[in-house]
Every structure is written in structure tokens, then in C-alpha cells.
């Protein structure tokens, strides 16, 4: 089967109830605010009052708790990965698209935190990896290379998110590239303040040396 056929979405191929269920499954898992939960349980307080106020792993790291940051990173990746993989395995690729959208939107707009969520990098990795693992690997490798050079987590994520759809377009299919492009656009939009800070020269760099525990 050609890549174009594998990633094609055929309107009406799945009952609406199945697609809605896949979206809700993705949203339910994606909306779990692991950074907020782990910070409270670990005694670091409300992560929304630290640093950028974001609930993601990078901001959790600013509390000086590497263990909590790692747990947040892995959990945020998993909540994007798991629902999409489950839908791919048991329902097909079309519901997987809906689960992916639900998981990503759930992280960005979690109902539990009054729809004020994170910026979506880790969950993006999980979702994209579940849809097409080479794209997830491409994003991570590019992020790491840029982060090692610049020490800017946000800049690394922005560049990787901008280039990943192009990689998918070349390697897989226009349908999947378009979908991932939409996710990338949302991720970039959520980094609007980071973009302003980068332009102004006030963006914080990655500093692992201050972290402990």
C-alpha cells in the first residue's frame, strides 16, 4: 500500500459516533495537566506561578526539580501517543486523526485548568510519533541539534515544528503533512510570547546546572 493511501482520510468511512469517541478519548487523556499535578505532589507548588507560567516540562525544570520535569515530559508525550496508537490499532487511521486532534487540543485547552494549558511541544511529539514515527524522530533530532547550539528551547521547538510538515510531505503524504502542519501552526501560535522575547533578546536559555532533585 502506498503512503498516500495509508494516510488518506475518506469522508464518511467511519461512523460519526466513532470519530467523536476518538476525539473525546484523545481530549480526555490530553487534557490531564501532568506538570501541574506533579508539581503539586512533589511540593513545588503551583507551576503556573513559576517562570513562564506554563504547565510543560521546561517550566517545571525551572523549579529545580529534574525528576518532576522528566516525569512531566514523558507523561505529556504519552498522553499524545497512547490515544492515537489505540485508535490506529483498533479503529483505523481516520479515527486516529481525530484522537490526535483531541489530545493536542486537550493539552492546549484543558477543561480542568479553565482551558489554560501548555504550549504543546511534548504532546505534539507523542501525537506525531503515533501517526508517523519518522516525523517524531525528525522533530526530536532537529530540536536537540538546535537546542545544543542555541540553548533556546522555544526556538528549537519553533524551527522543528515549522520544518516537520515539510519532512512529512516529502516522506509520507500531503494529507498527513497538512494535518501535522495544522498542529505546527497551533504550536507556533502558542509560542507568541516566546517569539516576542526572542526578537527582544529576553528569552530564557536552558540551564541544567541549576536543577537538582
C-alpha atoms as a PDB file:
ATOM      1  CA  UNK A   1       0.000   0.000   0.000  1.00  0.00           C
ATOM      2  CA  UNK A   2       1.348   3.413  -0.960  1.00  0.00           C
ATOM      3  CA  UNK A   3       1.954   6.057   1.686  1.00  0.00           C
ATOM      4  CA  UNK A   4      -0.663   8.264   0.059  1.00  0.00           C
ATOM      5  CA  UNK A   5      -3.270   5.533   0.517  1.00  0.00           C
ATOM      6  CA  UNK A   6      -2.231   4.804   4.092  1.00  0.00           C
ATOM      7  CA  UNK A   7      -2.654   8.379   5.259  1.00  0.00           C
ATOM      8  CA  UNK A   8      -5.700   9.264   3.196  1.00  0.00           C
ATOM      9  CA  UNK A   9      -8.867  10.170   5.083  1.00  0.00           C
ATOM     10  CA  UNK A  10     -12.047   9.127   3.312  1.00  0.00           C
ATOM     11  CA  UNK A  11     -15.110  11.200   4.292  1.00  0.00           C
ATOM     12  CA  UNK A  12     -17.881   9.016   5.665  1.00  0.00           C
ATOM     13  CA  UNK A  13     -15.636   5.963   6.039  1.00  0.00           C
ATOM     14  CA  UNK A  14     -16.249   5.869   9.802  1.00  0.00           C
ATOM     15  CA  UNK A  15     -19.499   6.483  11.712  1.00  0.00           C
ATOM     16  CA  UNK A  16     -19.665   9.922  13.280  1.00  0.00           C
ATOM     17  CA  UNK A  17     -20.029   8.366  16.727  1.00  0.00           C
ATOM     18  CA  UNK A  18     -16.715   6.533  16.315  1.00  0.00           C
ATOM     19  CA  UNK A  19     -14.930   9.710  15.244  1.00  0.00           C
ATOM     20  CA  UNK A  20     -16.469  11.684  18.098  1.00  0.00           C
ATOM     21  CA  UNK A  21     -15.468   8.960  20.549  1.00  0.00           C
ATOM     22  CA  UNK A  22     -11.905   9.007  19.249  1.00  0.00           C
ATOM     23  CA  UNK A  23     -11.744  12.782  19.649  1.00  0.00           C
ATOM     24  CA  UNK A  24     -13.130  12.612  23.194  1.00  0.00           C
ATOM     25  CA  UNK A  25     -10.688   9.855  24.137  1.00  0.00           C
ATOM     26  CA  UNK A  26      -7.829  11.985  22.879  1.00  0.00           C
ATOM     27  CA  UNK A  27      -9.116  15.080  24.655  1.00  0.00           C
ATOM     28  CA  UNK A  28      -9.693  13.231  27.942  1.00  0.00           C
ATOM     29  CA  UNK A  29      -6.110  11.997  28.054  1.00  0.00           C
ATOM     30  CA  UNK A  30      -4.568  15.087  26.502  1.00  0.00           C
ATOM     31  CA  UNK A  31      -6.212  17.419  28.999  1.00  0.00           C
ATOM     32  CA  UNK A  32      -4.576  15.780  32.034  1.00  0.00           C
ATOM     33  CA  UNK A  33      -2.249  18.568  33.341  1.00  0.00           C
ATOM     34  CA  UNK A  34       0.657  16.389  34.424  1.00  0.00           C
ATOM     35  CA  UNK A  35       3.017  19.316  35.016  1.00  0.00           C
ATOM     36  CA  UNK A  36       0.529  20.927  37.393  1.00  0.00           C
ATOM     37  CA  UNK A  37      -0.194  17.610  39.129  1.00  0.00           C
ATOM     38  CA  UNK A  38       3.438  16.554  39.574  1.00  0.00           C
ATOM     39  CA  UNK A  39       4.471  19.992  40.798  1.00  0.00           C
ATOM     40  CA  UNK A  40       1.811  19.909  43.497  1.00  0.00           C
ATOM     41  CA  UNK A  41       2.550  16.329  44.507  1.00  0.00           C
ATOM     42  CA  UNK A  42       6.289  16.998  44.521  1.00  0.00           C
ATOM     43  CA  UNK A  43       5.964  20.031  46.784  1.00  0.00           C
ATOM     44  CA  UNK A  44       6.927  22.559  44.114  1.00  0.00           C
ATOM     45  CA  UNK A  45       3.620  24.415  44.366  1.00  0.00           C
ATOM     46  CA  UNK A  46       1.518  25.760  41.512  1.00  0.00           C
ATOM     47  CA  UNK A  47       3.683  25.616  38.397  1.00  0.00           C
ATOM     48  CA  UNK A  48       1.542  28.351  36.858  1.00  0.00           C
ATOM     49  CA  UNK A  49       3.167  30.785  39.326  1.00  0.00           C
ATOM     50  CA  UNK A  50       6.706  29.845  38.301  1.00  0.00           C
ATOM     51  CA  UNK A  51       8.722  31.207  35.370  1.00  0.00           C
ATOM     52  CA  UNK A  52       6.606  31.489  32.248  1.00  0.00           C
ATOM     53  CA  UNK A  53       3.533  30.076  33.990  1.00  0.00           C
ATOM     54  CA  UNK A  54       3.430  27.211  31.515  1.00  0.00           C
ATOM     55  CA  UNK A  55       2.499  23.713  32.712  1.00  0.00           C
ATOM     56  CA  UNK A  56       5.057  21.945  30.492  1.00  0.00           C
ATOM     57  CA  UNK A  57       8.324  20.203  31.333  1.00  0.00           C
ATOM     58  CA  UNK A  58      10.583  23.169  30.502  1.00  0.00           C
ATOM     59  CA  UNK A  59       8.858  25.361  33.054  1.00  0.00           C
ATOM     60  CA  UNK A  60       8.745  22.539  35.623  1.00  0.00           C
ATOM     61  CA  UNK A  61      12.526  22.331  35.241  1.00  0.00           C
ATOM     62  CA  UNK A  62      12.720  25.943  36.407  1.00  0.00           C
ATOM     63  CA  UNK A  63      11.611  24.761  39.858  1.00  0.00           C
ATOM     64  CA  UNK A  64      14.951  22.962  40.113  1.00  0.00           C
ATOM     65  CA  UNK A  65      13.296  19.544  40.126  1.00  0.00           C
ATOM     66  CA  UNK A  66      14.729  17.497  37.278  1.00  0.00           C
ATOM     67  CA  UNK A  67      12.770  14.419  38.316  1.00  0.00           C
ATOM     68  CA  UNK A  68       9.463  16.253  38.132  1.00  0.00           C
ATOM     69  CA  UNK A  69      10.417  17.780  34.785  1.00  0.00           C
ATOM     70  CA  UNK A  70      11.319  14.375  33.334  1.00  0.00           C
ATOM     71  CA  UNK A  71       8.080  12.840  34.626  1.00  0.00           C
ATOM     72  CA  UNK A  72       6.136  15.713  33.066  1.00  0.00           C
ATOM     73  CA  UNK A  73       7.923  15.349  29.736  1.00  0.00           C
ATOM     74  CA  UNK A  74       7.332  11.601  29.486  1.00  0.00           C
ATOM     75  CA  UNK A  75       3.713  11.854  30.617  1.00  0.00           C
ATOM     76  CA  UNK A  76       2.918  14.670  28.189  1.00  0.00           C
ATOM     77  CA  UNK A  77       4.425  12.648  25.349  1.00  0.00           C
ATOM     78  CA  UNK A  78       2.489   9.554  26.430  1.00  0.00           C
ATOM     79  CA  UNK A  79      -0.874  11.313  26.579  1.00  0.00           C
ATOM     80  CA  UNK A  80      -0.452  12.217  22.912  1.00  0.00           C
ATOM     81  CA  UNK A  81       0.970   8.854  21.911  1.00  0.00           C
ATOM     82  CA  UNK A  82      -1.402   6.433  23.644  1.00  0.00           C
ATOM     83  CA  UNK A  83      -4.853   7.505  22.377  1.00  0.00           C
ATOM     84  CA  UNK A  84      -3.617   7.840  18.799  1.00  0.00           C
ATOM     85  CA  UNK A  85      -1.959   4.430  18.830  1.00  0.00           C
ATOM     86  CA  UNK A  86      -5.047   2.821  20.348  1.00  0.00           C
ATOM     87  CA  UNK A  87      -7.247   4.291  17.644  1.00  0.00           C
ATOM     88  CA  UNK A  88      -4.838   3.276  14.889  1.00  0.00           C
ATOM     89  CA  UNK A  89      -4.694  -0.291  16.169  1.00  0.00           C
ATOM     90  CA  UNK A  90      -8.383  -0.857  16.871  1.00  0.00           C
ATOM     91  CA  UNK A  91     -10.341   1.681  14.826  1.00  0.00           C
ATOM     92  CA  UNK A  92      -8.183   2.700  11.882  1.00  0.00           C
ATOM     93  CA  UNK A  93      -6.284   5.716  10.690  1.00  0.00           C
ATOM     94  CA  UNK A  94      -9.217   8.089  10.296  1.00  0.00           C
ATOM     95  CA  UNK A  95     -10.221   7.911  13.989  1.00  0.00           C
ATOM     96  CA  UNK A  96      -6.538   8.276  14.837  1.00  0.00           C
ATOM     97  CA  UNK A  97      -6.584  11.736  13.245  1.00  0.00           C
ATOM     98  CA  UNK A  98      -9.484  12.710  15.494  1.00  0.00           C
ATOM     99  CA  UNK A  99      -7.769  11.270  18.575  1.00  0.00           C
ATOM    100  CA  UNK A 100      -4.631  13.215  17.661  1.00  0.00           C
ATOM    101  CA  UNK A 101      -6.572  16.469  17.342  1.00  0.00           C
ATOM    102  CA  UNK A 102      -8.332  15.805  20.644  1.00  0.00           C
ATOM    103  CA  UNK A 103      -5.129  15.015  22.527  1.00  0.00           C
ATOM    104  CA  UNK A 104      -3.307  18.084  21.256  1.00  0.00           C
ATOM    105  CA  UNK A 105      -6.224  20.445  21.864  1.00  0.00           C
ATOM    106  CA  UNK A 106      -6.739  18.871  25.277  1.00  0.00           C
ATOM    107  CA  UNK A 107      -3.230  19.822  26.300  1.00  0.00           C
ATOM    108  CA  UNK A 108      -3.544  23.348  24.933  1.00  0.00           C
ATOM    109  CA  UNK A 109      -7.027  23.921  26.374  1.00  0.00           C
ATOM    110  CA  UNK A 110      -7.620  21.587  29.369  1.00  0.00           C
ATOM    111  CA  UNK A 111     -11.040  21.907  30.915  1.00  0.00           C
ATOM    112  CA  UNK A 112      -9.546  21.239  34.362  1.00  0.00           C
ATOM    113  CA  UNK A 113      -7.475  24.444  34.236  1.00  0.00           C
ATOM    114  CA  UNK A 114     -10.135  26.675  32.697  1.00  0.00           C
ATOM    115  CA  UNK A 115      -8.785  25.955  29.217  1.00  0.00           C
ATOM    116  CA  UNK A 116      -5.378  27.471  30.010  1.00  0.00           C
ATOM    117  CA  UNK A 117      -2.906  24.753  29.157  1.00  0.00           C
ATOM    118  CA  UNK A 118       0.609  24.319  27.856  1.00  0.00           C
ATOM    119  CA  UNK A 119       2.319  25.087  24.591  1.00  0.00           C
ATOM    120  CA  UNK A 120       2.107  21.545  23.304  1.00  0.00           C
ATOM    121  CA  UNK A 121       5.666  20.505  22.409  1.00  0.00           C
ATOM    122  CA  UNK A 122       5.789  17.176  24.267  1.00  0.00           C
ATOM    123  CA  UNK A 123       2.226  16.235  23.332  1.00  0.00           C
ATOM    124  CA  UNK A 124       2.977  17.214  19.731  1.00  0.00           C
ATOM    125  CA  UNK A 125       5.876  14.744  19.779  1.00  0.00           C
ATOM    126  CA  UNK A 126       3.604  11.996  21.083  1.00  0.00           C
ATOM    127  CA  UNK A 127       0.850  12.654  18.572  1.00  0.00           C
ATOM    128  CA  UNK A 128       3.160  12.992  15.580  1.00  0.00           C
ATOM    129  CA  UNK A 129       5.151   9.902  16.557  1.00  0.00           C
ATOM    130  CA  UNK A 130       1.969   7.844  16.802  1.00  0.00           C
ATOM    131  CA  UNK A 131       0.822   8.997  13.366  1.00  0.00           C
ATOM    132  CA  UNK A 132       4.193   8.615  11.642  1.00  0.00           C
ATOM    133  CA  UNK A 133       7.175   7.795  13.835  1.00  0.00           C
ATOM    134  CA  UNK A 134       9.881   9.100  11.453  1.00  0.00           C
ATOM    135  CA  UNK A 135       8.322  12.551  11.790  1.00  0.00           C
ATOM    136  CA  UNK A 136       8.525  12.347  15.567  1.00  0.00           C
ATOM    137  CA  UNK A 137      12.153  11.266  15.346  1.00  0.00           C
ATOM    138  CA  UNK A 138      12.875  14.098  12.894  1.00  0.00           C
ATOM    139  CA  UNK A 139      11.325  16.670  15.227  1.00  0.00           C
ATOM    140  CA  UNK A 140      13.259  15.413  18.264  1.00  0.00           C
ATOM    141  CA  UNK A 141      16.583  15.236  16.419  1.00  0.00           C
ATOM    142  CA  UNK A 142      16.168  18.727  14.994  1.00  0.00           C
ATOM    143  CA  UNK A 143      15.061  20.131  18.351  1.00  0.00           C
ATOM    144  CA  UNK A 144      18.098  18.606  20.068  1.00  0.00           C
ATOM    145  CA  UNK A 145      20.565  19.910  17.498  1.00  0.00           C
ATOM    146  CA  UNK A 146      19.213  23.456  17.650  1.00  0.00           C
ATOM    147  CA  UNK A 147      18.953  23.391  21.446  1.00  0.00           C
ATOM    148  CA  UNK A 148      22.584  22.300  21.800  1.00  0.00           C
ATOM    149  CA  UNK A 149      23.680  25.163  19.565  1.00  0.00           C
ATOM    150  CA  UNK A 150      21.423  27.978  20.790  1.00  0.00           C
ATOM    151  CA  UNK A 151      20.315  26.817  24.277  1.00  0.00           C
ATOM    152  CA  UNK A 152      16.830  28.118  23.458  1.00  0.00           C
ATOM    153  CA  UNK A 153      14.114  25.517  23.987  1.00  0.00           C
ATOM    154  CA  UNK A 154      11.450  27.687  22.376  1.00  0.00           C
ATOM    155  CA  UNK A 155      13.491  28.474  19.257  1.00  0.00           C
ATOM    156  CA  UNK A 156      14.289  24.790  18.834  1.00  0.00           C
ATOM    157  CA  UNK A 157      10.613  23.878  19.053  1.00  0.00           C
ATOM    158  CA  UNK A 158       9.571  26.623  16.635  1.00  0.00           C
ATOM    159  CA  UNK A 159      12.050  25.634  13.948  1.00  0.00           C
ATOM    160  CA  UNK A 160      11.387  21.910  14.359  1.00  0.00           C
ATOM    161  CA  UNK A 161       7.624  22.438  14.203  1.00  0.00           C
ATOM    162  CA  UNK A 162       7.946  24.590  11.086  1.00  0.00           C
ATOM    163  CA  UNK A 163      10.072  22.027   9.232  1.00  0.00           C
ATOM    164  CA  UNK A 164       8.390  18.787  10.297  1.00  0.00           C
ATOM    165  CA  UNK A 165       5.375  19.164   7.939  1.00  0.00           C
ATOM    166  CA  UNK A 166       7.771  19.627   5.013  1.00  0.00           C
ATOM    167  CA  UNK A 167       9.583  16.436   6.026  1.00  0.00           C
ATOM    168  CA  UNK A 168       6.268  14.571   6.156  1.00  0.00           C
ATOM    169  CA  UNK A 169       5.221  15.965   2.780  1.00  0.00           C
ATOM    170  CA  UNK A 170       8.368  14.550   1.190  1.00  0.00           C
ATOM    171  CA  UNK A 171       8.421  11.257   3.072  1.00  0.00           C
ATOM    172  CA  UNK A 172       4.743  10.353   3.520  1.00  0.00           C
ATOM    173  CA  UNK A 173       1.713  12.138   2.092  1.00  0.00           C
ATOM    174  CA  UNK A 174       0.080  15.550   1.584  1.00  0.00           C
ATOM    175  CA  UNK A 175      -2.860  14.552   3.823  1.00  0.00           C
ATOM    176  CA  UNK A 176      -0.675  13.787   6.808  1.00  0.00           C
ATOM    177  CA  UNK A 177       1.588  16.763   6.118  1.00  0.00           C
ATOM    178  CA  UNK A 178      -1.433  19.066   6.083  1.00  0.00           C
ATOM    179  CA  UNK A 179      -2.725  17.717   9.366  1.00  0.00           C
ATOM    180  CA  UNK A 180       0.659  17.976  11.070  1.00  0.00           C
ATOM    181  CA  UNK A 181       1.027  21.428   9.552  1.00  0.00           C
ATOM    182  CA  UNK A 182      -2.136  22.447  11.373  1.00  0.00           C
ATOM    183  CA  UNK A 183      -0.744  21.146  14.654  1.00  0.00           C
ATOM    184  CA  UNK A 184       2.506  23.001  13.984  1.00  0.00           C
ATOM    185  CA  UNK A 185       0.613  26.226  13.355  1.00  0.00           C
ATOM    186  CA  UNK A 186      -1.147  25.907  16.714  1.00  0.00           C
ATOM    187  CA  UNK A 187       2.121  25.130  18.473  1.00  0.00           C
ATOM    188  CA  UNK A 188       3.811  28.158  16.921  1.00  0.00           C
ATOM    189  CA  UNK A 189       0.845  30.379  17.810  1.00  0.00           C
ATOM    190  CA  UNK A 190       1.069  29.242  21.440  1.00  0.00           C
ATOM    191  CA  UNK A 191       4.683  30.449  21.472  1.00  0.00           C
ATOM    192  CA  UNK A 192       3.747  34.039  20.599  1.00  0.00           C
ATOM    193  CA  UNK A 193       5.290  35.449  23.778  1.00  0.00           C
ATOM    194  CA  UNK A 194       8.459  33.424  23.270  1.00  0.00           C
ATOM    195  CA  UNK A 195       8.728  34.821  19.744  1.00  0.00           C
ATOM    196  CA  UNK A 196       8.467  38.357  21.131  1.00  0.00           C
ATOM    197  CA  UNK A 197      11.109  37.562  23.750  1.00  0.00           C
ATOM    198  CA  UNK A 198      13.444  36.069  21.158  1.00  0.00           C
ATOM    199  CA  UNK A 199      13.147  39.167  18.982  1.00  0.00           C
ATOM    200  CA  UNK A 200      13.738  41.420  22.001  1.00  0.00           C
ATOM    201  CA  UNK A 201      16.647  39.316  23.258  1.00  0.00           C
ATOM    202  CA  UNK A 202      14.929  38.483  26.529  1.00  0.00           C
ATOM    203  CA  UNK A 203      14.166  34.784  26.081  1.00  0.00           C
ATOM    204  CA  UNK A 204      15.446  32.468  28.824  1.00  0.00           C
ATOM    205  CA  UNK A 205      18.012  29.841  27.890  1.00  0.00           C
ATOM    206  CA  UNK A 206      18.180  26.225  29.027  1.00  0.00           C
ATOM    207  CA  UNK A 207      20.234  25.986  32.207  1.00  0.00           C
ATOM    208  CA  UNK A 208      20.508  22.450  33.546  1.00  0.00           C
ATOM    209  CA  UNK A 209      23.222  23.316  36.018  1.00  0.00           C
ATOM    210  CA  UNK A 210      20.731  24.885  38.422  1.00  0.00           C
ATOM    211  CA  UNK A 211      18.452  21.872  38.524  1.00  0.00           C
ATOM    212  CA  UNK A 212      18.626  19.272  41.242  1.00  0.00           C
ATOM    213  CA  UNK A 213      16.417  16.501  42.550  1.00  0.00           C
END
